[in-house]
């Protein structure tokens, strides 16, 4: 019951952070071991409203940096 004009859209950084929180609460910083498991995890994120592009970007970053550390933290 909230009008679209009453809610500001999330920035790309906010979307990425929200996806990261949703994913890590359920799966930690683990990368899926198979394509079937990755598909399951992608569907989990899609059901929470994240777009395919944001999800693919997250998995790319997760594969490159499985510890979840940002560039500044390393």
N, C-alpha and C. Protein backbone atom coordinates (compact mmCIF):
# COMPACT_ATOMS: atom_id res chain seq x y z
N UNK A 1 0.78 -1.19 0.00
CA UNK A 1 0.00 0.00 0.00
C UNK A 1 0.83 1.27 0.00
N UNK A 2 2.07 1.23 -0.54
CA UNK A 2 2.90 2.43 -0.61
C UNK A 2 2.99 2.87 -2.06
N UNK A 3 2.74 4.15 -2.31
CA UNK A 3 2.81 4.69 -3.67
C UNK A 3 4.25 4.74 -4.13
N UNK A 4 4.47 4.52 -5.44
CA UNK A 4 5.82 4.54 -6.00
C UNK A 4 6.54 5.85 -5.72
N UNK A 5 5.83 6.95 -5.75
CA UNK A 5 6.44 8.26 -5.51
C UNK A 5 6.89 8.47 -4.08
N UNK A 6 6.40 7.64 -3.16
CA UNK A 6 6.76 7.78 -1.75
C UNK A 6 8.05 7.06 -1.38
N UNK A 7 8.60 6.28 -2.31
CA UNK A 7 9.78 5.48 -2.03
C UNK A 7 10.88 5.84 -3.03
N UNK A 8 12.06 6.15 -2.51
CA UNK A 8 13.18 6.44 -3.40
C UNK A 8 13.80 5.13 -3.87
N UNK A 9 14.13 5.02 -5.16
CA UNK A 9 14.77 3.79 -5.64
C UNK A 9 16.17 3.64 -5.04
N UNK A 10 16.59 2.40 -4.88
CA UNK A 10 17.92 2.13 -4.34
C UNK A 10 19.00 2.44 -5.38
N UNK A 11 20.14 2.89 -4.91
CA UNK A 11 21.28 3.07 -5.81
C UNK A 11 21.87 1.70 -6.12
N UNK A 12 22.75 1.63 -7.09
CA UNK A 12 23.41 0.37 -7.44
C UNK A 12 24.19 -0.19 -6.25
N UNK A 13 24.83 0.68 -5.49
CA UNK A 13 25.59 0.23 -4.33
C UNK A 13 24.67 -0.33 -3.25
N UNK A 14 23.52 0.30 -3.05
CA UNK A 14 22.56 -0.19 -2.06
C UNK A 14 21.98 -1.54 -2.46
N UNK A 15 21.71 -1.70 -3.76
CA UNK A 15 21.21 -2.99 -4.25
C UNK A 15 22.25 -4.09 -4.04
N UNK A 16 23.50 -3.79 -4.37
CA UNK A 16 24.57 -4.77 -4.21
C UNK A 16 24.73 -5.15 -2.74
N UNK A 17 24.64 -4.18 -1.85
CA UNK A 17 24.78 -4.44 -0.42
C UNK A 17 23.60 -5.29 0.08
N UNK A 18 22.39 -4.95 -0.35
CA UNK A 18 21.21 -5.71 0.08
C UNK A 18 21.29 -7.16 -0.41
N UNK A 19 21.74 -7.36 -1.64
CA UNK A 19 21.91 -8.72 -2.17
C UNK A 19 22.97 -9.47 -1.36
N UNK A 20 24.07 -8.82 -1.10
CA UNK A 20 25.16 -9.45 -0.33
C UNK A 20 24.66 -9.89 1.04
N UNK A 21 23.89 -9.04 1.71
CA UNK A 21 23.36 -9.39 3.04
C UNK A 21 22.40 -10.57 2.95
N UNK A 22 21.51 -10.57 1.97
CA UNK A 22 20.56 -11.67 1.82
C UNK A 22 21.28 -12.98 1.55
N UNK A 23 22.27 -12.94 0.67
CA UNK A 23 23.01 -14.14 0.29
C UNK A 23 23.83 -14.68 1.46
N UNK A 24 24.60 -13.80 2.12
CA UNK A 24 25.50 -14.27 3.17
C UNK A 24 24.76 -14.72 4.42
N UNK A 25 23.57 -14.19 4.67
CA UNK A 25 22.78 -14.69 5.80
C UNK A 25 22.43 -16.16 5.61
N UNK A 26 22.17 -16.52 4.38
CA UNK A 26 21.74 -17.90 4.10
C UNK A 26 22.91 -18.83 3.78
N UNK A 27 23.88 -18.35 3.00
CA UNK A 27 24.94 -19.22 2.48
C UNK A 27 26.34 -18.86 2.96
N UNK A 28 26.49 -17.80 3.72
CA UNK A 28 27.83 -17.35 4.09
C UNK A 28 28.55 -16.85 2.85
N UNK A 29 29.87 -16.91 2.87
CA UNK A 29 30.65 -16.46 1.72
C UNK A 29 31.04 -17.63 0.82
N UNK A 30 30.26 -18.69 0.83
CA UNK A 30 30.58 -19.87 0.03
C UNK A 30 30.13 -19.71 -1.41
N UNK A 31 30.95 -20.19 -2.33
CA UNK A 31 30.61 -20.19 -3.75
C UNK A 31 29.95 -21.54 -4.05
N UNK A 32 28.89 -21.57 -4.87
CA UNK A 32 28.23 -22.84 -5.17
C UNK A 32 29.19 -23.82 -5.83
N UNK A 33 29.07 -25.10 -5.44
CA UNK A 33 29.98 -26.13 -5.94
C UNK A 33 29.56 -26.71 -7.29
N UNK A 34 28.31 -26.48 -7.69
CA UNK A 34 27.85 -27.01 -8.97
C UNK A 34 26.93 -25.99 -9.64
N UNK A 35 26.67 -26.22 -10.92
CA UNK A 35 25.75 -25.33 -11.64
C UNK A 35 24.34 -25.42 -11.07
N UNK A 36 23.94 -26.62 -10.66
CA UNK A 36 22.61 -26.79 -10.07
C UNK A 36 22.48 -26.00 -8.78
N UNK A 37 23.52 -26.02 -7.95
CA UNK A 37 23.50 -25.27 -6.70
C UNK A 37 23.50 -23.77 -6.98
N UNK A 38 24.25 -23.34 -7.98
CA UNK A 38 24.26 -21.92 -8.33
C UNK A 38 22.87 -21.48 -8.80
N UNK A 39 22.22 -22.31 -9.60
CA UNK A 39 20.87 -21.99 -10.08
C UNK A 39 19.90 -21.86 -8.91
N UNK A 40 20.03 -22.75 -7.93
CA UNK A 40 19.18 -22.69 -6.74
C UNK A 40 19.40 -21.38 -6.00
N UNK A 41 20.64 -21.00 -5.85
CA UNK A 41 20.97 -19.76 -5.14
C UNK A 41 20.52 -18.53 -5.93
N UNK A 42 20.64 -18.59 -7.26
CA UNK A 42 20.17 -17.47 -8.08
C UNK A 42 18.66 -17.31 -7.96
N UNK A 43 17.92 -18.43 -7.98
CA UNK A 43 16.47 -18.35 -7.82
C UNK A 43 16.09 -17.77 -6.46
N UNK A 44 16.83 -18.15 -5.43
CA UNK A 44 16.61 -17.60 -4.09
C UNK A 44 16.70 -16.08 -4.14
N UNK A 45 17.72 -15.55 -4.81
CA UNK A 45 17.91 -14.11 -4.89
C UNK A 45 16.87 -13.45 -5.80
N UNK A 46 16.51 -14.11 -6.88
CA UNK A 46 15.48 -13.56 -7.77
C UNK A 46 14.14 -13.43 -7.05
N UNK A 47 13.81 -14.42 -6.23
CA UNK A 47 12.55 -14.35 -5.48
C UNK A 47 12.54 -13.18 -4.51
N UNK A 48 13.68 -12.68 -4.17
CA UNK A 48 13.76 -11.52 -3.29
C UNK A 48 13.84 -10.21 -4.06
N UNK A 49 13.67 -10.30 -5.38
CA UNK A 49 13.54 -9.09 -6.19
C UNK A 49 14.79 -8.58 -6.85
N UNK A 50 15.89 -9.31 -6.78
CA UNK A 50 17.12 -8.85 -7.41
C UNK A 50 17.14 -9.24 -8.88
N UNK A 51 17.68 -8.37 -9.71
CA UNK A 51 17.73 -8.62 -11.15
C UNK A 51 18.86 -9.58 -11.50
N UNK A 52 18.75 -10.18 -12.67
CA UNK A 52 19.78 -11.11 -13.14
C UNK A 52 21.14 -10.46 -13.25
N UNK A 53 21.18 -9.22 -13.70
CA UNK A 53 22.46 -8.52 -13.86
C UNK A 53 23.15 -8.31 -12.52
N UNK A 54 22.39 -7.93 -11.51
CA UNK A 54 22.97 -7.70 -10.18
C UNK A 54 23.46 -9.02 -9.59
N UNK A 55 22.69 -10.09 -9.82
CA UNK A 55 23.07 -11.40 -9.31
C UNK A 55 24.34 -11.90 -9.99
N UNK A 56 24.41 -11.78 -11.32
CA UNK A 56 25.62 -12.21 -12.04
C UNK A 56 26.84 -11.45 -11.58
N UNK A 57 26.70 -10.16 -11.37
CA UNK A 57 27.82 -9.34 -10.89
C UNK A 57 28.26 -9.82 -9.51
N UNK A 58 27.31 -10.12 -8.64
CA UNK A 58 27.65 -10.61 -7.30
C UNK A 58 28.43 -11.92 -7.38
N UNK A 59 27.96 -12.88 -8.19
CA UNK A 59 28.66 -14.16 -8.29
C UNK A 59 30.05 -14.00 -8.89
N UNK A 60 30.20 -13.07 -9.81
CA UNK A 60 31.52 -12.79 -10.38
C UNK A 60 32.46 -12.28 -9.30
N UNK A 61 31.98 -11.34 -8.48
CA UNK A 61 32.79 -10.81 -7.39
C UNK A 61 33.07 -11.88 -6.33
N UNK A 62 32.08 -12.72 -6.04
CA UNK A 62 32.25 -13.77 -5.05
C UNK A 62 33.29 -14.78 -5.50
N UNK A 63 33.29 -15.13 -6.77
CA UNK A 63 34.27 -16.09 -7.30
C UNK A 63 35.68 -15.51 -7.22
N UNK A 64 35.81 -14.22 -7.54
CA UNK A 64 37.13 -13.57 -7.52
C UNK A 64 37.62 -13.30 -6.10
N UNK A 65 36.69 -13.17 -5.15
CA UNK A 65 37.05 -12.79 -3.79
C UNK A 65 36.14 -13.53 -2.80
N UNK A 66 36.38 -14.82 -2.57
CA UNK A 66 35.48 -15.61 -1.74
C UNK A 66 35.44 -15.23 -0.26
N UNK A 67 36.37 -14.44 0.20
CA UNK A 67 36.37 -14.07 1.62
C UNK A 67 35.41 -12.94 1.91
N UNK A 68 34.98 -12.22 0.85
CA UNK A 68 34.07 -11.10 1.03
C UNK A 68 34.73 -9.80 1.40
N UNK A 69 36.05 -9.78 1.47
CA UNK A 69 36.76 -8.55 1.80
C UNK A 69 36.69 -7.58 0.64
N UNK A 70 36.51 -6.31 0.96
CA UNK A 70 36.57 -5.28 -0.07
C UNK A 70 38.03 -4.97 -0.37
N UNK A 71 38.26 -4.23 -1.43
CA UNK A 71 39.63 -3.85 -1.79
C UNK A 71 40.29 -3.05 -0.66
N UNK A 72 39.50 -2.19 0.03
CA UNK A 72 40.05 -1.37 1.09
C UNK A 72 40.45 -2.22 2.31
N UNK A 73 39.74 -3.34 2.55
CA UNK A 73 40.03 -4.16 3.71
C UNK A 73 41.29 -5.00 3.55
N UNK A 74 41.69 -5.25 2.31
CA UNK A 74 42.86 -6.10 2.08
C UNK A 74 44.14 -5.37 2.24
